Structures are given as C-alpha cells and as structure tokens.
C-alpha cells in the first residue's frame, strides 16, 4: 500500500460529534442548566457557515428526536419513525396537538416542558450538523 493516509477515501472518517450519555433532569433548574450548556456547546463547535444544527436525542426504547430552535424562537422537532411512540408524551408535556407528520413546530415557551417530559426516556444526546429539519416541509424563514 503506497501513500495510504488518514484522508484516503477508503478510510472511514471519525465522527465529529459523539453521543454523550444522558443524565436525568429532575428540576426546572436542571433543564435550564442543560439548555445553557447545550447553547454554549453549539456556539463553540458549530462553524458560522454550517446549517441544520441542533441536538439528537437517542431514546432508550428506540428512535431519535432531532431538535433545533429557529431564529424566531420556534422549537423544531424531527421525530424518526422508530420514535413515533413518543408523540403522546410530547403532546402531554407541551400541551400541543400532534402535527400528523414527523415534523413538530412548537412555541419557544414549550422548550422546558418538552425537555423535562423527555428526560426519563433519553439514553444519549449528540450534536448534529447538516440535518434537514424538514426544510422542504415548512415555511421559509425557519431554516438555519
């Protein structure tokens, strides 16, 4: 093998972000602290030219929820098919109706209730970039 390097196309790239084990959040203060830490982490690790960034919640019982906040404050969730089972909990925690699709757009004042409601179901979180967050399915101005 001549000239093999870490940049060869046959060499798998190491993921930029790795899953972080989830610590159950028990109080509103815990949730607010997690939100602050998450925002700080995004500011430190996301490049100004990147879009589709947010966090992926991997659920212990299966499936993933990708979450992003928009410039106007909406909470955008992209719920994978394997995580459809969590829809009633999202509705109960946020007092918002299910959208009928995998894309949820919630008011910003529902973020704390959402995170608190999901907390006992999350196995890990991972920062993400390049996720589409249903860009083709929603109005312009919500994409990042």
N, C-alpha and C. Protein backbone atom coordinates (compact mmCIF):
# COMPACT_ATOMS: atom_id res chain seq x y z
N UNK A 1 0.84 -1.19 0.00
CA UNK A 1 0.00 0.00 0.00
C UNK A 1 0.87 1.24 0.00
N UNK A 2 0.83 1.96 -1.04
CA UNK A 2 1.71 3.10 -1.17
C UNK A 2 0.93 4.38 -0.91
N UNK A 3 1.44 5.23 -0.01
CA UNK A 3 0.86 6.54 0.22
C UNK A 3 -0.46 6.54 0.98
N UNK A 4 -0.76 5.50 1.74
CA UNK A 4 -2.03 5.48 2.50
C UNK A 4 -1.99 6.54 3.60
N UNK A 5 -3.03 7.32 3.67
CA UNK A 5 -3.13 8.36 4.70
C UNK A 5 -4.50 8.32 5.33
N UNK A 6 -4.67 9.10 6.38
CA UNK A 6 -5.97 9.20 7.03
C UNK A 6 -7.01 9.85 6.12
N UNK A 7 -6.57 10.50 5.06
CA UNK A 7 -7.50 11.20 4.18
C UNK A 7 -7.95 10.35 2.99
N UNK A 8 -7.46 9.13 2.89
CA UNK A 8 -7.88 8.26 1.78
C UNK A 8 -9.38 8.03 1.86
N UNK A 9 -10.01 7.90 0.70
CA UNK A 9 -11.47 7.73 0.66
C UNK A 9 -11.91 6.40 1.27
N UNK A 10 -11.00 5.40 1.34
CA UNK A 10 -11.35 4.11 1.93
C UNK A 10 -11.32 4.15 3.45
N UNK A 11 -10.71 5.15 4.02
CA UNK A 11 -10.61 5.26 5.47
C UNK A 11 -11.84 5.97 6.01
N UNK A 12 -12.61 5.29 6.89
CA UNK A 12 -13.79 5.96 7.43
C UNK A 12 -13.40 7.14 8.31
N UNK A 13 -14.15 8.23 8.16
CA UNK A 13 -13.88 9.41 8.98
C UNK A 13 -14.44 9.22 10.37
N UNK A 14 -13.70 9.69 11.35
CA UNK A 14 -14.18 9.65 12.72
C UNK A 14 -15.30 10.67 12.86
N UNK A 15 -16.40 10.31 13.51
CA UNK A 15 -17.50 11.28 13.65
C UNK A 15 -17.03 12.53 14.39
N UNK A 16 -17.51 13.65 13.94
CA UNK A 16 -17.13 14.92 14.55
C UNK A 16 -17.71 15.04 15.96
N UNK A 17 -18.95 14.60 16.14
CA UNK A 17 -19.60 14.66 17.44
C UNK A 17 -19.94 13.24 17.88
N UNK A 18 -19.71 12.95 19.12
CA UNK A 18 -20.02 11.63 19.66
C UNK A 18 -21.16 11.72 20.66
N UNK A 19 -21.91 10.63 20.81
CA UNK A 19 -23.01 10.64 21.78
C UNK A 19 -22.50 10.87 23.20
N UNK A 20 -23.27 11.63 23.95
CA UNK A 20 -22.99 11.87 25.36
C UNK A 20 -24.08 11.18 26.17
N UNK A 21 -23.70 10.37 27.15
CA UNK A 21 -24.72 9.72 27.98
C UNK A 21 -25.60 10.78 28.64
N UNK A 22 -26.86 10.48 28.75
CA UNK A 22 -27.84 11.43 29.30
C UNK A 22 -27.92 11.28 30.81
N UNK A 23 -27.98 12.39 31.48
CA UNK A 23 -28.23 12.43 32.92
C UNK A 23 -29.65 12.93 33.11
N UNK A 24 -30.47 12.15 33.80
CA UNK A 24 -31.88 12.53 34.02
C UNK A 24 -31.97 13.90 34.68
N UNK A 25 -32.81 14.76 34.14
CA UNK A 25 -33.02 16.11 34.65
C UNK A 25 -34.28 16.10 35.50
N UNK A 26 -34.14 16.46 36.77
CA UNK A 26 -35.26 16.32 37.69
C UNK A 26 -36.00 17.62 37.99
N UNK A 27 -35.35 18.76 37.80
CA UNK A 27 -35.97 20.03 38.15
C UNK A 27 -35.92 20.99 36.97
N UNK A 28 -36.72 22.04 37.04
CA UNK A 28 -36.68 23.08 36.01
C UNK A 28 -35.28 23.69 35.96
N UNK A 29 -34.66 23.87 37.10
CA UNK A 29 -33.29 24.40 37.15
C UNK A 29 -32.34 23.48 36.37
N UNK A 30 -32.47 22.15 36.54
CA UNK A 30 -31.62 21.20 35.80
C UNK A 30 -31.82 21.37 34.30
N UNK A 31 -33.07 21.53 33.88
CA UNK A 31 -33.38 21.69 32.45
C UNK A 31 -32.78 22.99 31.94
N UNK A 32 -32.96 24.07 32.67
CA UNK A 32 -32.40 25.36 32.25
C UNK A 32 -30.89 25.30 32.14
N UNK A 33 -30.24 24.61 33.07
CA UNK A 33 -28.79 24.45 33.03
C UNK A 33 -28.37 23.66 31.79
N UNK A 34 -29.11 22.58 31.48
CA UNK A 34 -28.80 21.78 30.30
C UNK A 34 -28.94 22.64 29.05
N UNK A 35 -29.99 23.44 28.96
CA UNK A 35 -30.20 24.31 27.80
C UNK A 35 -29.03 25.28 27.65
N UNK A 36 -28.61 25.91 28.74
CA UNK A 36 -27.47 26.84 28.70
C UNK A 36 -26.21 26.14 28.22
N UNK A 37 -25.93 24.95 28.77
CA UNK A 37 -24.73 24.20 28.39
C UNK A 37 -24.80 23.78 26.92
N UNK A 38 -25.99 23.36 26.48
CA UNK A 38 -26.16 22.96 25.09
C UNK A 38 -25.93 24.16 24.15
N UNK A 39 -26.50 25.30 24.48
CA UNK A 39 -26.30 26.50 23.66
C UNK A 39 -24.83 26.89 23.59
N UNK A 40 -24.14 26.82 24.72
CA UNK A 40 -22.71 27.14 24.76
C UNK A 40 -21.92 26.16 23.88
N UNK A 41 -22.27 24.90 23.96
CA UNK A 41 -21.59 23.88 23.17
C UNK A 41 -21.80 24.12 21.67
N UNK A 42 -23.03 24.47 21.29
CA UNK A 42 -23.29 24.79 19.88
C UNK A 42 -22.46 25.98 19.43
N UNK A 43 -22.40 27.02 20.25
CA UNK A 43 -21.63 28.22 19.89
C UNK A 43 -20.15 27.89 19.72
N UNK A 44 -19.63 26.98 20.54
CA UNK A 44 -18.22 26.63 20.49
C UNK A 44 -17.87 25.72 19.32
N UNK A 45 -18.79 24.83 18.94
CA UNK A 45 -18.44 23.77 18.00
C UNK A 45 -19.05 23.88 16.60
N UNK A 46 -20.02 24.75 16.41
CA UNK A 46 -20.65 24.87 15.10
C UNK A 46 -20.02 26.03 14.35
N UNK A 47 -19.61 25.76 13.13
CA UNK A 47 -18.98 26.79 12.30
C UNK A 47 -20.04 27.75 11.76
N UNK A 48 -19.68 29.01 11.56
CA UNK A 48 -20.66 30.01 11.09
C UNK A 48 -21.31 29.64 9.74
N UNK A 49 -20.65 28.86 8.93
CA UNK A 49 -21.18 28.50 7.61
C UNK A 49 -22.07 27.26 7.64
N UNK A 50 -22.17 26.60 8.80
CA UNK A 50 -22.94 25.37 8.88
C UNK A 50 -24.41 25.64 9.14
N UNK A 51 -25.25 24.75 8.62
CA UNK A 51 -26.69 24.84 8.84
C UNK A 51 -27.20 23.48 9.30
N UNK A 52 -28.46 23.43 9.65
CA UNK A 52 -29.05 22.17 10.09
C UNK A 52 -28.47 21.65 11.38
N UNK A 53 -28.13 22.56 12.26
CA UNK A 53 -27.50 22.13 13.52
C UNK A 53 -28.53 22.10 14.64
N UNK A 54 -28.24 21.24 15.58
CA UNK A 54 -29.11 21.07 16.73
C UNK A 54 -28.61 19.91 17.57
N UNK A 55 -29.54 19.21 18.19
CA UNK A 55 -29.19 18.08 19.04
C UNK A 55 -30.07 16.90 18.66
N UNK A 56 -29.49 15.72 18.73
CA UNK A 56 -30.24 14.48 18.51
C UNK A 56 -30.38 13.78 19.85
N UNK A 57 -31.62 13.53 20.25
CA UNK A 57 -31.90 12.74 21.44
C UNK A 57 -32.11 11.29 20.99
N UNK A 58 -31.27 10.40 21.44
CA UNK A 58 -31.47 8.97 21.18
C UNK A 58 -32.27 8.43 22.36
N UNK A 59 -33.43 7.86 22.05
CA UNK A 59 -34.32 7.38 23.09
C UNK A 59 -33.95 5.96 23.50
N UNK A 60 -34.01 5.69 24.79
CA UNK A 60 -33.62 4.39 25.33
C UNK A 60 -34.46 3.25 24.75
N UNK A 61 -35.72 3.50 24.46
CA UNK A 61 -36.62 2.47 23.95
C UNK A 61 -36.69 2.44 22.43
N UNK A 62 -35.87 3.25 21.78
CA UNK A 62 -35.80 3.22 20.32
C UNK A 62 -36.24 4.51 19.66
N UNK A 63 -35.50 4.88 18.65
CA UNK A 63 -35.81 6.07 17.87
C UNK A 63 -34.99 7.27 18.29
N UNK A 64 -35.13 8.31 17.49
CA UNK A 64 -34.39 9.55 17.72
C UNK A 64 -35.29 10.74 17.49
N UNK A 65 -35.00 11.79 18.23
CA UNK A 65 -35.66 13.08 18.04
C UNK A 65 -34.57 14.10 17.78
N UNK A 66 -34.63 14.74 16.63
CA UNK A 66 -33.69 15.81 16.30
C UNK A 66 -34.37 17.12 16.67
N UNK A 67 -33.66 17.98 17.40
CA UNK A 67 -34.25 19.23 17.87
C UNK A 67 -33.38 20.41 17.46
N UNK A 68 -34.05 21.47 17.06
CA UNK A 68 -33.40 22.72 16.68
C UNK A 68 -34.31 23.86 17.10
N UNK A 69 -33.74 25.01 17.40
CA UNK A 69 -34.56 26.20 17.61
C UNK A 69 -34.33 27.12 16.42
N UNK A 70 -35.38 27.80 16.00
CA UNK A 70 -35.28 28.67 14.84
C UNK A 70 -34.93 30.09 15.28
N UNK A 71 -34.63 30.93 14.32
CA UNK A 71 -34.29 32.32 14.59
C UNK A 71 -35.44 33.05 15.26
N UNK A 72 -36.67 32.64 14.97
CA UNK A 72 -37.83 33.30 15.59
C UNK A 72 -38.27 32.62 16.89
N UNK A 73 -37.47 31.66 17.37
CA UNK A 73 -37.73 31.06 18.67
C UNK A 73 -38.52 29.77 18.67
N UNK A 74 -38.98 29.31 17.53
CA UNK A 74 -39.74 28.06 17.50
C UNK A 74 -38.83 26.88 17.83
N UNK A 75 -39.41 25.87 18.45
CA UNK A 75 -38.71 24.62 18.73
C UNK A 75 -39.12 23.65 17.64
N UNK A 76 -38.16 23.17 16.87
CA UNK A 76 -38.44 22.29 15.74
C UNK A 76 -37.95 20.89 16.10
N UNK A 77 -38.85 19.93 15.99
CA UNK A 77 -38.52 18.54 16.26
C UNK A 77 -38.72 17.74 14.99
N UNK A 78 -37.78 16.87 14.70
CA UNK A 78 -37.91 15.92 13.62
C UNK A 78 -37.85 14.54 14.29
N UNK A 79 -38.98 13.88 14.37
CA UNK A 79 -39.12 12.62 15.10
C UNK A 79 -39.02 11.47 14.10
N UNK A 80 -38.04 10.58 14.31
CA UNK A 80 -37.89 9.45 13.39
C UNK A 80 -39.06 8.48 13.55
N UNK A 81 -39.27 7.66 12.53
CA UNK A 81 -40.38 6.69 12.56
C UNK A 81 -40.27 5.75 13.76
N UNK A 82 -39.05 5.39 14.13
CA UNK A 82 -38.85 4.50 15.29
C UNK A 82 -39.24 5.16 16.60
N UNK A 83 -39.39 6.48 16.60
CA UNK A 83 -39.73 7.21 17.82
C UNK A 83 -41.18 7.71 17.82
N UNK A 84 -41.98 7.27 16.85
CA UNK A 84 -43.38 7.68 16.79
C UNK A 84 -44.13 7.43 18.10
N UNK A 85 -43.71 6.43 18.82
CA UNK A 85 -44.37 6.06 20.07
C UNK A 85 -44.33 7.18 21.11
N UNK A 86 -43.43 8.14 20.96
CA UNK A 86 -43.27 9.20 21.96
C UNK A 86 -44.22 10.38 21.71
N UNK A 87 -44.94 10.39 20.60
CA UNK A 87 -45.84 11.51 20.26
C UNK A 87 -46.83 11.84 21.38
N UNK A 88 -47.50 10.87 22.00
CA UNK A 88 -48.43 11.23 23.09
C UNK A 88 -47.73 11.93 24.26
N UNK A 89 -46.50 11.55 24.53
CA UNK A 89 -45.77 12.21 25.62
C UNK A 89 -45.43 13.65 25.24
N UNK A 90 -45.02 13.87 24.00
CA UNK A 90 -44.73 15.24 23.55
C UNK A 90 -45.99 16.10 23.68
N UNK A 91 -47.11 15.55 23.26
CA UNK A 91 -48.39 16.28 23.37
C UNK A 91 -48.71 16.60 24.84
N UNK A 92 -48.55 15.62 25.71
CA UNK A 92 -48.87 15.81 27.12
C UNK A 92 -47.93 16.83 27.77
N UNK A 93 -46.65 16.72 27.46
CA UNK A 93 -45.65 17.61 28.08
C UNK A 93 -45.80 19.05 27.63
N UNK A 94 -46.16 19.25 26.36
CA UNK A 94 -46.19 20.60 25.79
C UNK A 94 -47.59 21.19 25.66
N UNK A 95 -48.61 20.34 25.85
CA UNK A 95 -50.00 20.75 25.64
C UNK A 95 -50.23 21.24 24.22
N UNK A 96 -49.53 20.62 23.27
CA UNK A 96 -49.67 20.95 21.85
C UNK A 96 -50.17 19.71 21.11
N UNK A 97 -51.02 19.88 20.11
CA UNK A 97 -51.51 18.73 19.35
C UNK A 97 -50.42 18.14 18.46
N UNK A 98 -50.54 16.86 18.16
CA UNK A 98 -49.61 16.20 17.24
C UNK A 98 -49.82 16.78 15.84
N UNK A 99 -48.75 16.99 15.07
CA UNK A 99 -48.87 17.62 13.76
C UNK A 99 -49.35 16.70 12.65
N UNK A 100 -49.32 15.40 12.85
CA UNK A 100 -49.70 14.48 11.79
C UNK A 100 -48.55 14.14 10.86
N UNK A 101 -47.37 14.69 11.11
CA UNK A 101 -46.16 14.37 10.34
C UNK A 101 -45.03 14.16 11.35
N UNK A 102 -43.85 13.86 10.85
CA UNK A 102 -42.70 13.68 11.74
C UNK A 102 -42.11 15.02 12.20
N UNK A 103 -42.54 16.11 11.60
CA UNK A 103 -42.01 17.43 11.92
C UNK A 103 -42.95 18.17 12.87
N UNK A 104 -42.44 18.54 14.01
CA UNK A 104 -43.20 19.29 15.01
C UNK A 104 -42.61 20.69 15.09
N UNK A 105 -43.47 21.70 15.14
CA UNK A 105 -43.02 23.07 15.36
C UNK A 105 -43.79 23.57 16.57
N UNK A 106 -43.04 23.79 17.65
CA UNK A 106 -43.62 24.17 18.94
C UNK A 106 -43.21 25.59 19.30
N UNK A 107 -44.04 26.30 20.05
CA UNK A 107 -43.65 27.64 20.53
C UNK A 107 -42.45 27.54 21.47
N UNK A 108 -41.64 28.59 21.50
CA UNK A 108 -40.43 28.57 22.32
C UNK A 108 -40.71 28.39 23.81
N UNK A 109 -41.89 28.79 24.28
CA UNK A 109 -42.18 28.65 25.71
C UNK A 109 -42.48 27.21 26.11
N UNK A 110 -42.39 26.27 25.17
CA UNK A 110 -42.63 24.85 25.46
C UNK A 110 -41.33 24.07 25.62
N UNK A 111 -40.18 24.71 25.43
CA UNK A 111 -38.90 24.00 25.44
C UNK A 111 -38.63 23.34 26.80
N UNK A 112 -38.81 24.05 27.88
CA UNK A 112 -38.51 23.48 29.20
C UNK A 112 -39.42 22.29 29.49
N UNK A 113 -40.72 22.43 29.20
CA UNK A 113 -41.65 21.33 29.43
C UNK A 113 -41.28 20.12 28.56
N UNK A 114 -40.88 20.37 27.33
CA UNK A 114 -40.50 19.29 26.42
C UNK A 114 -39.31 18.52 26.96
N UNK A 115 -38.25 19.22 27.31
CA UNK A 115 -37.03 18.56 27.80
C UNK A 115 -37.32 17.82 29.10
N UNK A 116 -38.09 18.43 30.00
CA UNK A 116 -38.43 17.77 31.26
C UNK A 116 -39.26 16.50 30.99
N UNK A 117 -40.18 16.57 30.05
CA UNK A 117 -41.02 15.42 29.72
C UNK A 117 -40.24 14.28 29.08
N UNK A 118 -39.26 14.61 28.26
CA UNK A 118 -38.47 13.59 27.57
C UNK A 118 -37.35 13.02 28.44
N UNK A 119 -36.97 13.72 29.47
CA UNK A 119 -35.76 13.41 30.21
C UNK A 119 -35.63 11.95 30.63
N UNK A 120 -36.68 11.35 31.13
CA UNK A 120 -36.56 9.97 31.61
C UNK A 120 -36.49 8.95 30.47
N UNK A 121 -36.69 9.38 29.24
CA UNK A 121 -36.69 8.47 28.09
C UNK A 121 -35.40 8.52 27.27
N UNK A 122 -34.55 9.49 27.54
CA UNK A 122 -33.36 9.73 26.72
C UNK A 122 -32.19 8.86 27.19
N UNK A 123 -31.52 8.24 26.24
CA UNK A 123 -30.32 7.45 26.54
C UNK A 123 -29.05 8.30 26.34
N UNK A 124 -29.05 9.10 25.25
CA UNK A 124 -27.88 9.93 24.96
C UNK A 124 -28.28 11.08 24.05
N UNK A 125 -27.38 12.05 23.95
CA UNK A 125 -27.56 13.17 23.03
C UNK A 125 -26.30 13.32 22.19
N UNK A 126 -26.49 13.85 20.98
CA UNK A 126 -25.37 14.10 20.10
C UNK A 126 -25.63 15.41 19.36
N UNK A 127 -24.64 16.29 19.31
CA UNK A 127 -24.76 17.48 18.48
C UNK A 127 -24.79 17.03 17.03
N UNK A 128 -25.57 17.72 16.21
CA UNK A 128 -25.67 17.38 14.79
C UNK A 128 -25.52 18.63 13.94
N UNK A 129 -25.01 18.45 12.75
CA UNK A 129 -24.99 19.50 11.73
C UNK A 129 -25.45 18.87 10.42
N UNK A 130 -26.02 19.68 9.55
CA UNK A 130 -26.43 19.21 8.25
C UNK A 130 -27.75 18.44 8.24
N UNK A 131 -28.48 18.46 9.34
CA UNK A 131 -29.79 17.79 9.36
C UNK A 131 -30.78 18.71 8.66
N UNK A 132 -31.70 18.13 7.90
CA UNK A 132 -32.60 18.95 7.09
C UNK A 132 -33.77 19.55 7.87
N UNK A 133 -34.13 19.01 9.00
CA UNK A 133 -35.21 19.54 9.83
C UNK A 133 -36.44 19.92 9.01
N UNK A 134 -36.77 19.09 8.05
CA UNK A 134 -37.99 19.30 7.27
C UNK A 134 -38.03 20.60 6.51
N UNK A 135 -36.89 21.09 6.05
CA UNK A 135 -36.81 22.38 5.36
C UNK A 135 -37.82 22.47 4.22
N UNK A 136 -38.01 21.40 3.48
CA UNK A 136 -38.93 21.44 2.34
C UNK A 136 -40.39 21.41 2.79
N UNK A 137 -40.62 21.03 4.06
CA UNK A 137 -41.99 20.87 4.53
C UNK A 137 -42.51 22.07 5.30
N UNK A 138 -41.71 23.11 5.50
CA UNK A 138 -42.19 24.23 6.29
C UNK A 138 -41.90 25.56 5.61
N UNK A 139 -42.45 26.59 6.16
CA UNK A 139 -42.35 27.92 5.57
C UNK A 139 -40.91 28.42 5.59
N UNK A 140 -40.55 29.27 4.61
CA UNK A 140 -39.23 29.88 4.61
C UNK A 140 -39.05 30.74 5.86
N UNK A 141 -37.80 30.88 6.28
CA UNK A 141 -37.52 31.70 7.44
C UNK A 141 -37.29 30.89 8.70
N UNK A 142 -37.67 29.62 8.69
CA UNK A 142 -37.44 28.79 9.87
C UNK A 142 -36.17 27.96 9.74
N UNK A 143 -35.63 27.87 8.55
CA UNK A 143 -34.43 27.05 8.36
C UNK A 143 -33.19 27.80 8.83
N UNK A 144 -32.25 27.02 9.35
CA UNK A 144 -30.96 27.59 9.73
C UNK A 144 -29.88 26.87 9.00
